[in-house]
Protein backbone atom coordinates (compact mmCIF):
# COMPACT_ATOMS: atom_id res chain seq x y z
CA MET A 1 73.97 51.45 -117.06
CA GLN A 2 75.95 48.95 -115.09
CA TYR A 3 76.05 48.31 -111.41
CA GLY A 4 78.99 45.91 -110.76
CA ASP A 5 78.44 43.15 -112.93
CA VAL A 6 74.72 43.58 -113.59
CA HIS A 7 73.55 45.45 -116.73
CA LEU A 8 70.54 47.68 -115.66
CA GLY A 9 69.56 49.34 -119.08
CA ARG A 10 70.42 52.43 -121.09
CA ALA A 11 70.01 55.78 -119.52
CA LEU A 12 68.93 58.34 -122.04
CA ARG A 13 68.41 61.19 -119.23
CA ILE A 14 69.03 61.97 -115.81
CA ALA A 15 65.75 60.49 -114.39
CA ASP A 16 66.79 57.04 -116.12
CA VAL A 17 69.96 57.17 -114.04
CA LEU A 18 67.86 57.90 -110.83
CA GLU A 19 65.54 55.14 -111.49
CA PHE A 20 68.42 52.59 -112.08
CA LEU A 21 69.90 53.52 -108.86
CA ARG A 22 66.60 53.00 -107.11
CA ARG A 23 66.17 49.48 -108.89
CA ALA A 24 69.63 48.57 -107.86
CA GLY A 25 68.65 49.11 -104.05
CA LEU A 26 70.61 52.34 -103.88
CA ASP A 27 69.44 55.92 -102.51
CA PRO A 28 69.78 58.13 -105.41
CA ASP A 29 70.01 61.16 -102.74
CA ALA A 30 73.13 59.40 -101.38
CA VAL A 31 74.84 59.06 -104.90
CA GLN A 32 77.03 62.06 -106.14
CA LEU A 33 76.75 61.71 -109.83
CA THR A 34 79.68 64.18 -110.16
CA ASP A 35 82.06 62.11 -108.16
CA PRO A 36 84.24 59.92 -110.03
CA ALA A 37 84.66 57.64 -107.35
CA GLN A 38 81.07 56.77 -107.36
CA VAL A 39 80.06 57.16 -111.17
CA ASP A 40 82.07 56.00 -114.22
CA TRP A 41 80.66 58.18 -116.96
CA ARG A 42 81.01 57.05 -120.54
CA ASP A 43 80.16 58.99 -123.68
CA GLY A 44 78.67 61.66 -121.69
CA GLY A 45 78.07 62.81 -118.19
CA PRO A 46 75.50 64.08 -115.70
CA GLU A 47 75.59 67.49 -117.51
CA ARG A 48 76.26 66.07 -121.11
CA TRP A 49 74.08 63.44 -123.02
CA GLY A 50 74.52 61.88 -126.28
CA THR A 51 71.92 61.80 -129.01
């Protein structure tokens, strides 16, 4: 997962995404994971995770 130019780590499940958002100083409740203007999903998405 990346925030701006900073690599935060690899998210393997939605809980990882929420934790990375917290670490970046963002409020996970304020981020709409299904909004493409806020999140650029690659190789998956909020409903689909790679193996």
